[in-house]
Amino acid sequence: MKMLMTVSIPHEKFNAEVKEGTAGSTMGQILEELKPDSVYFTSKNGRRGAVMVVNIEKNSDLPKFAEPWFLKFDAECEFDLIMTPQDLQESGLDEIGKRWR
């Protein structure tokens, strides 16, 4: 299932990696492992952050996506289910609406 993964990275640990010259390679290693459908870097509440679309096959895959960020950067991770327009069309929304009038 597609999920929107939002990562918020504290300054201290990331700054240390930037100063050591390893932040880019660490970030690249994580992204290579996770293979997100898309990724955008941004700020989140004044911290460095990323927003990714990831495909999680089963609930037990969740640590695979979160733990690299936790362990390498002490980051916070949030996951939200997302749908494409096609997913929404296939959801039976109209029938649900008729049932719950």
N, C-alpha and C. Protein backbone atom coordinates (compact mmCIF):
# COMPACT_ATOMS: atom_id res chain seq x y z
N MET A 1 0.83 -1.17 0.00
CA MET A 1 0.00 0.00 0.00
C MET A 1 0.89 1.24 0.00
N LYS A 2 0.41 2.25 -0.65
CA LYS A 2 1.17 3.51 -0.73
C LYS A 2 0.98 4.29 0.57
N MET A 3 2.09 4.81 1.05
CA MET A 3 2.06 5.63 2.26
C MET A 3 2.90 6.88 2.04
N LEU A 4 2.45 7.96 2.65
CA LEU A 4 3.22 9.19 2.69
C LEU A 4 4.05 9.13 3.95
N MET A 5 5.36 9.15 3.81
CA MET A 5 6.28 9.08 4.94
C MET A 5 6.91 10.45 5.10
N THR A 6 6.75 11.01 6.29
CA THR A 6 7.32 12.32 6.60
C THR A 6 8.40 12.13 7.65
N VAL A 7 9.57 12.67 7.39
CA VAL A 7 10.72 12.54 8.28
C VAL A 7 11.14 13.92 8.76
N SER A 8 11.37 14.03 10.06
CA SER A 8 11.87 15.27 10.66
C SER A 8 13.18 14.94 11.37
N ILE A 9 14.26 15.62 10.97
CA ILE A 9 15.60 15.28 11.43
C ILE A 9 16.13 16.36 12.38
N PRO A 10 16.48 15.99 13.62
CA PRO A 10 17.06 16.96 14.55
C PRO A 10 18.39 17.50 14.01
N HIS A 11 18.72 18.71 14.40
CA HIS A 11 19.92 19.37 13.88
C HIS A 11 21.22 18.71 14.33
N GLU A 12 21.33 18.36 15.60
CA GLU A 12 22.62 17.94 16.16
C GLU A 12 23.26 16.77 15.41
N LYS A 13 22.53 15.69 15.25
CA LYS A 13 23.11 14.51 14.63
C LYS A 13 23.39 14.75 13.14
N PHE A 14 22.48 15.43 12.46
CA PHE A 14 22.67 15.69 11.04
C PHE A 14 23.83 16.66 10.83
N ASN A 15 23.92 17.71 11.67
CA ASN A 15 25.03 18.66 11.57
C ASN A 15 26.37 17.95 11.72
N ALA A 16 26.43 17.00 12.66
CA ALA A 16 27.68 16.25 12.86
C ALA A 16 28.05 15.49 11.60
N GLU A 17 27.07 14.89 10.93
CA GLU A 17 27.35 14.16 9.69
C GLU A 17 27.77 15.12 8.57
N VAL A 18 27.13 16.28 8.52
CA VAL A 18 27.52 17.27 7.51
C VAL A 18 28.97 17.68 7.73
N LYS A 19 29.35 17.96 8.96
CA LYS A 19 30.73 18.37 9.26
C LYS A 19 31.74 17.27 8.98
N GLU A 20 31.31 16.01 9.15
CA GLU A 20 32.20 14.87 8.86
C GLU A 20 32.23 14.55 7.35
N GLY A 21 31.33 15.15 6.61
CA GLY A 21 31.27 14.88 5.17
C GLY A 21 30.58 13.57 4.83
N THR A 22 29.73 13.06 5.73
CA THR A 22 29.07 11.78 5.50
C THR A 22 27.56 11.88 5.32
N ALA A 23 26.98 13.05 5.49
CA ALA A 23 25.52 13.20 5.43
C ALA A 23 24.96 12.75 4.08
N GLY A 24 25.58 13.19 3.01
CA GLY A 24 25.10 12.82 1.67
C GLY A 24 25.15 11.33 1.41
N SER A 25 26.24 10.69 1.79
CA SER A 25 26.35 9.25 1.54
C SER A 25 25.41 8.47 2.44
N THR A 26 25.22 8.90 3.68
CA THR A 26 24.27 8.23 4.57
C THR A 26 22.85 8.35 4.02
N MET A 27 22.49 9.55 3.61
CA MET A 27 21.17 9.79 3.04
C MET A 27 20.99 8.95 1.77
N GLY A 28 22.01 8.91 0.93
CA GLY A 28 21.95 8.11 -0.29
C GLY A 28 21.78 6.64 0.00
N GLN A 29 22.47 6.14 1.01
CA GLN A 29 22.38 4.73 1.38
C GLN A 29 20.95 4.39 1.86
N ILE A 30 20.38 5.27 2.67
CA ILE A 30 19.01 5.03 3.15
C ILE A 30 18.04 5.02 1.98
N LEU A 31 18.13 5.99 1.10
CA LEU A 31 17.20 6.07 -0.02
C LEU A 31 17.37 4.91 -0.99
N GLU A 32 18.60 4.47 -1.19
CA GLU A 32 18.84 3.32 -2.05
C GLU A 32 18.19 2.07 -1.47
N GLU A 33 18.24 1.93 -0.17
CA GLU A 33 17.63 0.78 0.51
C GLU A 33 16.11 0.84 0.45
N LEU A 34 15.54 2.02 0.69
CA LEU A 34 14.08 2.15 0.77
C LEU A 34 13.39 2.21 -0.58
N LYS A 35 14.08 2.72 -1.59
CA LYS A 35 13.53 2.87 -2.93
C LYS A 35 12.14 3.55 -2.94
N PRO A 36 12.07 4.78 -2.41
CA PRO A 36 10.78 5.47 -2.43
C PRO A 36 10.34 5.77 -3.86
N ASP A 37 9.02 5.83 -4.06
CA ASP A 37 8.48 6.21 -5.38
C ASP A 37 8.89 7.64 -5.71
N SER A 38 8.88 8.49 -4.70
CA SER A 38 9.33 9.88 -4.86
C SER A 38 9.80 10.37 -3.50
N VAL A 39 10.67 11.38 -3.53
CA VAL A 39 11.18 11.97 -2.30
C VAL A 39 11.43 13.45 -2.53
N TYR A 40 11.06 14.25 -1.53
CA TYR A 40 11.28 15.69 -1.57
C TYR A 40 11.86 16.11 -0.23
N PHE A 41 12.88 16.93 -0.27
CA PHE A 41 13.48 17.43 0.96
C PHE A 41 12.91 18.80 1.26
N THR A 42 12.64 19.04 2.52
CA THR A 42 11.97 20.26 2.94
C THR A 42 12.34 20.54 4.40
N SER A 43 11.66 21.47 5.01
CA SER A 43 11.81 21.67 6.45
C SER A 43 10.51 21.25 7.13
N LYS A 44 10.63 20.80 8.36
CA LYS A 44 9.46 20.37 9.13
C LYS A 44 9.63 20.93 10.54
N ASN A 45 8.80 21.89 10.91
CA ASN A 45 8.88 22.52 12.23
C ASN A 45 10.28 23.05 12.53
N GLY A 46 10.91 23.65 11.55
CA GLY A 46 12.23 24.25 11.74
C GLY A 46 13.38 23.26 11.65
N ARG A 47 13.10 22.02 11.37
CA ARG A 47 14.14 20.99 11.22
C ARG A 47 14.25 20.58 9.77
N ARG A 48 15.37 19.97 9.44
CA ARG A 48 15.49 19.37 8.11
C ARG A 48 14.48 18.24 8.02
N GLY A 49 13.97 18.02 6.82
CA GLY A 49 12.99 16.96 6.68
C GLY A 49 12.90 16.43 5.27
N ALA A 50 12.11 15.39 5.14
CA ALA A 50 11.84 14.77 3.85
C ALA A 50 10.41 14.27 3.84
N VAL A 51 9.83 14.29 2.65
CA VAL A 51 8.51 13.72 2.42
C VAL A 51 8.67 12.73 1.29
N MET A 52 8.23 11.49 1.54
CA MET A 52 8.41 10.42 0.55
C MET A 52 7.11 9.67 0.34
N VAL A 53 6.94 9.16 -0.85
CA VAL A 53 5.90 8.18 -1.12
C VAL A 53 6.59 6.83 -1.16
N VAL A 54 6.16 5.94 -0.25
CA VAL A 54 6.76 4.61 -0.16
C VAL A 54 5.67 3.56 -0.33
N ASN A 55 6.07 2.39 -0.76
CA ASN A 55 5.14 1.29 -0.93
C ASN A 55 5.44 0.24 0.13
N ILE A 56 4.53 0.10 1.08
CA ILE A 56 4.70 -0.86 2.17
C ILE A 56 3.78 -2.04 1.89
N GLU A 57 4.38 -3.20 1.66
CA GLU A 57 3.62 -4.39 1.29
C GLU A 57 2.82 -4.94 2.47
N LYS A 58 3.43 -4.97 3.66
CA LYS A 58 2.76 -5.51 4.84
C LYS A 58 3.19 -4.70 6.06
N ASN A 59 2.39 -4.75 7.09
CA ASN A 59 2.65 -3.94 8.28
C ASN A 59 4.04 -4.19 8.86
N SER A 60 4.50 -5.43 8.78
CA SER A 60 5.81 -5.75 9.35
C SER A 60 6.97 -5.12 8.57
N ASP A 61 6.69 -4.49 7.41
CA ASP A 61 7.71 -3.76 6.66
C ASP A 61 8.00 -2.38 7.25
N LEU A 62 7.12 -1.90 8.12
CA LEU A 62 7.26 -0.54 8.65
C LEU A 62 8.63 -0.27 9.26
N PRO A 63 9.18 -1.15 10.10
CA PRO A 63 10.52 -0.87 10.66
C PRO A 63 11.60 -0.71 9.59
N LYS A 64 11.49 -1.42 8.49
CA LYS A 64 12.47 -1.29 7.40
C LYS A 64 12.55 0.16 6.92
N PHE A 65 11.42 0.85 6.94
CA PHE A 65 11.38 2.22 6.45
C PHE A 65 11.75 3.24 7.53
N ALA A 66 11.37 2.98 8.77
CA ALA A 66 11.59 3.96 9.84
C ALA A 66 12.95 3.83 10.52
N GLU A 67 13.40 2.61 10.77
CA GLU A 67 14.60 2.41 11.58
C GLU A 67 15.87 3.08 11.03
N PRO A 68 16.12 3.08 9.72
CA PRO A 68 17.33 3.78 9.27
C PRO A 68 17.34 5.26 9.68
N TRP A 69 16.20 5.91 9.62
CA TRP A 69 16.11 7.33 10.01
C TRP A 69 16.27 7.48 11.52
N PHE A 70 15.64 6.57 12.28
CA PHE A 70 15.78 6.61 13.74
C PHE A 70 17.24 6.42 14.15
N LEU A 71 17.85 5.38 13.60
CA LEU A 71 19.18 4.98 14.04
C LEU A 71 20.28 5.93 13.57
N LYS A 72 20.20 6.41 12.35
CA LYS A 72 21.26 7.26 11.81
C LYS A 72 21.11 8.73 12.21
N PHE A 73 19.87 9.22 12.33
CA PHE A 73 19.67 10.65 12.54
C PHE A 73 18.80 11.01 13.75
N ASP A 74 18.37 10.04 14.55
CA ASP A 74 17.42 10.31 15.65
C ASP A 74 16.18 11.03 15.13
N ALA A 75 15.76 10.70 13.93
CA ALA A 75 14.65 11.39 13.28
C ALA A 75 13.30 10.91 13.80
N GLU A 76 12.30 11.72 13.54
CA GLU A 76 10.91 11.34 13.79
C GLU A 76 10.30 10.98 12.44
N CYS A 77 9.50 9.91 12.41
CA CYS A 77 8.86 9.46 11.18
C CYS A 77 7.36 9.34 11.39
N GLU A 78 6.61 9.81 10.41
CA GLU A 78 5.16 9.69 10.42
C GLU A 78 4.73 9.01 9.13
N PHE A 79 3.69 8.19 9.21
CA PHE A 79 3.18 7.47 8.05
C PHE A 79 1.69 7.74 7.90
N ASP A 80 1.27 8.06 6.69
CA ASP A 80 -0.14 8.28 6.37
C ASP A 80 -0.49 7.49 5.12
N LEU A 81 -1.61 6.75 5.18
CA LEU A 81 -2.09 6.06 3.99
C LEU A 81 -2.48 7.10 2.94
N ILE A 82 -2.21 6.80 1.68
CA ILE A 82 -2.58 7.70 0.60
C ILE A 82 -3.23 6.89 -0.53
N MET A 83 -4.04 7.58 -1.34
CA MET A 83 -4.69 6.95 -2.48
C MET A 83 -4.47 7.78 -3.73
N THR A 84 -4.41 7.10 -4.84
CA THR A 84 -4.42 7.76 -6.14
C THR A 84 -5.87 8.03 -6.52
N PRO A 85 -6.12 8.86 -7.53
CA PRO A 85 -7.50 9.04 -7.98
C PRO A 85 -8.16 7.70 -8.37
N GLN A 86 -7.40 6.82 -8.97
CA GLN A 86 -7.93 5.50 -9.34
C GLN A 86 -8.33 4.71 -8.09
N ASP A 87 -7.48 4.75 -7.05
CA ASP A 87 -7.82 4.07 -5.79
C ASP A 87 -9.14 4.61 -5.24
N LEU A 88 -9.30 5.91 -5.27
CA LEU A 88 -10.52 6.53 -4.76
C LEU A 88 -11.73 6.08 -5.56
N GLN A 89 -11.60 6.01 -6.90
CA GLN A 89 -12.70 5.55 -7.75
C GLN A 89 -13.08 4.10 -7.43
N GLU A 90 -12.09 3.28 -7.08
CA GLU A 90 -12.33 1.87 -6.80
C GLU A 90 -12.79 1.62 -5.36
N SER A 91 -12.88 2.67 -4.56
CA SER A 91 -13.18 2.51 -3.13
C SER A 91 -14.64 2.22 -2.82
N GLY A 92 -15.51 2.43 -3.78
CA GLY A 92 -16.94 2.23 -3.52
C GLY A 92 -17.54 3.37 -2.71
N LEU A 93 -16.96 4.55 -2.83
CA LEU A 93 -17.40 5.70 -2.04
C LEU A 93 -18.88 6.02 -2.25
N ASP A 94 -19.35 5.95 -3.48
CA ASP A 94 -20.76 6.25 -3.75
C ASP A 94 -21.68 5.27 -3.04
N GLU A 95 -21.34 3.99 -3.07
CA GLU A 95 -22.16 2.98 -2.39
C GLU A 95 -22.12 3.17 -0.87
N ILE A 96 -20.97 3.53 -0.35
CA ILE A 96 -20.85 3.79 1.08
C ILE A 96 -21.76 4.96 1.47
N GLY A 97 -21.74 6.00 0.64
CA GLY A 97 -22.60 7.16 0.90
C GLY A 97 -24.06 6.80 0.90
N LYS A 98 -24.50 5.96 -0.04
CA LYS A 98 -25.91 5.54 -0.10
C LYS A 98 -26.27 4.72 1.13
N ARG A 99 -25.35 3.90 1.58
CA ARG A 99 -25.62 3.04 2.74
C ARG A 99 -25.73 3.84 4.03
N TRP A 100 -24.99 4.92 4.13
CA TRP A 100 -24.91 5.66 5.40
C TRP A 100 -25.61 7.01 5.31
N ARG A 101 -26.66 7.13 4.54
CA ARG A 101 -27.41 8.40 4.43
C ARG A 101 -27.99 8.80 5.74
